[in-house]
C-alpha atoms as a PDB file:
ATOM      1  CA  MET A   1      27.299 -59.249 -34.511  1.00  0.00           C
ATOM      2  CA  LYS A   2      27.768 -55.544 -35.134  1.00  0.00           C
ATOM      3  CA  THR A   3      25.403 -53.689 -37.415  1.00  0.00           C
ATOM      4  CA  LEU A   4      25.951 -50.742 -39.729  1.00  0.00           C
ATOM      5  CA  HIS A   5      24.044 -48.528 -37.298  1.00  0.00           C
ATOM      6  CA  LYS A   6      26.919 -48.881 -34.792  1.00  0.00           C
ATOM      7  CA  ILE A   7      29.680 -47.290 -36.898  1.00  0.00           C
ATOM      8  CA  LYS A   8      30.845 -43.783 -36.133  1.00  0.00           C
ATOM      9  CA  ARG A   9      31.677 -40.909 -38.420  1.00  0.00           C
ATOM     10  CA  GLY A  10      35.086 -41.451 -39.992  1.00  0.00           C
ATOM     11  CA  GLU A  11      34.847 -45.246 -39.798  1.00  0.00           C
ATOM     12  CA  GLU A  12      34.424 -47.677 -42.646  1.00  0.00           C
ATOM     13  CA  ALA A  13      32.682 -51.050 -42.485  1.00  0.00           C
ATOM     14  CA  ILE A  14      32.632 -54.115 -44.708  1.00  0.00           C
ATOM     15  CA  ILE A  15      29.145 -55.553 -45.167  1.00  0.00           C
ATOM     16  CA  ARG A  16      28.961 -59.118 -43.914  1.00  0.00           C
ATOM     17  CA  GLU A  17      25.310 -59.964 -44.594  1.00  0.00           C
ATOM     18  CA  ILE A  18      21.778 -58.626 -44.686  1.00  0.00           C
ATOM     19  CA  LYS A  19      19.348 -59.897 -42.075  1.00  0.00           C
ATOM     20  CA  GLN A  20      17.261 -62.302 -44.144  1.00  0.00           C
ATOM     21  CA  ASP A  21      14.160 -62.357 -41.968  1.00  0.00           C
ATOM     22  CA  SER A  22      13.905 -58.607 -42.434  1.00  0.00           C
ATOM     23  CA  ASN A  23      11.204 -57.142 -44.696  1.00  0.00           C
ATOM     24  CA  LEU A  24      13.926 -54.735 -45.807  1.00  0.00           C
ATOM     25  CA  ALA A  25      16.339 -57.357 -47.168  1.00  0.00           C
ATOM     26  CA  ASN A  26      15.328 -57.160 -50.840  1.00  0.00           C
ATOM     27  CA  SER A  27      15.229 -53.376 -50.828  1.00  0.00           C
ATOM     28  CA  LEU A  28      18.685 -53.109 -49.250  1.00  0.00           C
ATOM     29  CA  LEU A  29      20.160 -55.621 -51.701  1.00  0.00           C
ATOM     30  CA  GLU A  30      18.634 -53.728 -54.644  1.00  0.00           C
ATOM     31  CA  GLN A  31      20.229 -50.503 -53.350  1.00  0.00           C
ATOM     32  CA  GLY A  32      23.638 -52.194 -53.491  1.00  0.00           C
ATOM     33  CA  PHE A  33      24.129 -53.207 -49.860  1.00  0.00           C
ATOM     34  CA  VAL A  34      25.756 -56.532 -50.698  1.00  0.00           C
ATOM     35  CA  PRO A  35      28.354 -58.554 -48.789  1.00  0.00           C
ATOM     36  CA  GLY A  36      31.930 -57.365 -49.277  1.00  0.00           C
ATOM     37  CA  THR A  37      30.979 -53.751 -50.017  1.00  0.00           C
ATOM     38  CA  LYS A  38      32.672 -50.923 -48.072  1.00  0.00           C
ATOM     39  CA  VAL A  39      30.383 -48.374 -46.420  1.00  0.00           C
ATOM     40  CA  SER A  40      31.242 -45.313 -44.337  1.00  0.00           C
ATOM     41  CA  LEU A  41      29.090 -43.021 -42.218  1.00  0.00           C
ATOM     42  CA  LEU A  42      28.811 -39.425 -43.407  1.00  0.00           C
ATOM     43  CA  ILE A  43      26.176 -37.997 -41.050  1.00  0.00           C
ATOM     44  CA  HIS A  44      24.438 -39.592 -38.076  1.00  0.00           C
ATOM     45  CA  GLY A  45      20.698 -38.900 -38.039  1.00  0.00           C
ATOM     46  CA  PHE A  46      19.478 -36.122 -35.762  1.00  0.00           C
ATOM     47  CA  LEU A  47      16.806 -37.074 -33.198  1.00  0.00           C
ATOM     48  CA  GLY A  48      16.332 -40.540 -34.687  1.00  0.00           C
ATOM     49  CA  GLY A  49      16.191 -39.356 -38.283  1.00  0.00           C
ATOM     50  CA  PRO A  50      17.949 -41.114 -41.174  1.00  0.00           C
ATOM     51  CA  SER A  51      21.745 -41.333 -41.295  1.00  0.00           C
ATOM     52  CA  ALA A  52      23.733 -40.722 -44.486  1.00  0.00           C
ATOM     53  CA  TYR A  53      26.212 -43.347 -45.692  1.00  0.00           C
ATOM     54  CA  LEU A  54      28.752 -43.346 -48.511  1.00  0.00           C
ATOM     55  CA  MET A  55      28.937 -46.502 -50.597  1.00  0.00           C
ATOM     56  CA  ARG A  56      30.653 -46.865 -53.997  1.00  0.00           C
ATOM     57  CA  GLY A  57      30.673 -43.092 -54.444  1.00  0.00           C
ATOM     58  CA  SER A  58      26.942 -42.681 -53.728  1.00  0.00           C
ATOM     59  CA  LYS A  59      25.330 -41.074 -50.698  1.00  0.00           C
ATOM     60  CA  ILE A  60      22.430 -43.114 -49.320  1.00  0.00           C
ATOM     61  CA  ALA A  61      20.164 -42.295 -46.363  1.00  0.00           C
ATOM     62  CA  LEU A  62      19.009 -45.162 -44.149  1.00  0.00           C
ATOM     63  CA  ARG A  63      16.685 -45.225 -41.170  1.00  0.00           C
ATOM     64  CA  LYS A  64      17.915 -46.865 -37.971  1.00  0.00           C
ATOM     65  CA  GLU A  65      15.919 -50.060 -38.584  1.00  0.00           C
ATOM     66  CA  GLU A  66      17.416 -50.375 -42.076  1.00  0.00           C
ATOM     67  CA  ALA A  67      20.983 -49.900 -40.826  1.00  0.00           C
ATOM     68  CA  GLU A  68      20.353 -52.448 -38.057  1.00  0.00           C
ATOM     69  CA  ALA A  69      19.461 -55.070 -40.695  1.00  0.00           C
ATOM     70  CA  ILE A  70      22.992 -54.795 -42.189  1.00  0.00           C
ATOM     71  CA  PHE A  71      25.620 -56.850 -40.374  1.00  0.00           C
ATOM     72  CA  ILE A  72      29.259 -55.839 -40.787  1.00  0.00           C
ATOM     73  CA  TRP A  73      32.542 -57.750 -40.677  1.00  0.00           C
ATOM     74  CA  LYS A  74      34.758 -55.102 -39.207  1.00  0.00           C
ATOM     75  CA  ILE A  75      35.260 -51.416 -38.734  1.00  0.00           C
ATOM     76  CA  LEU A  76      38.247 -49.619 -40.224  1.00  0.00           C
ATOM     77  CA  LEU A  77      39.399 -46.042 -40.147  1.00  0.00           C
ATOM     78  CA  SER A  78      38.197 -44.416 -43.326  1.00  0.00           C
ATOM     79  CA  SER A  79      40.911 -43.629 -45.865  1.00  0.00           C
ATOM     80  CA  SER A  80      39.437 -40.139 -46.312  1.00  0.00           C
ATOM     81  CA  SER A  81      40.064 -39.198 -42.646  1.00  0.00           C
END
């Protein structure tokens, strides 16, 4: 399964599920990363730093391990491109 970490700038993903055995699951769900939500990549982290994502009009930074705990359904071209 593809994870959110794999999307590229200008692409949009639909969240499929959050990895449940992850210690991050509750935190990600509380931040709004829930199945069916569209997310797009704004900025890929530099030298392993956090990446910035756009979700429901909010910009949210996630570390690589957080983004890898979010499984996605599919990748679409962003409507803002």
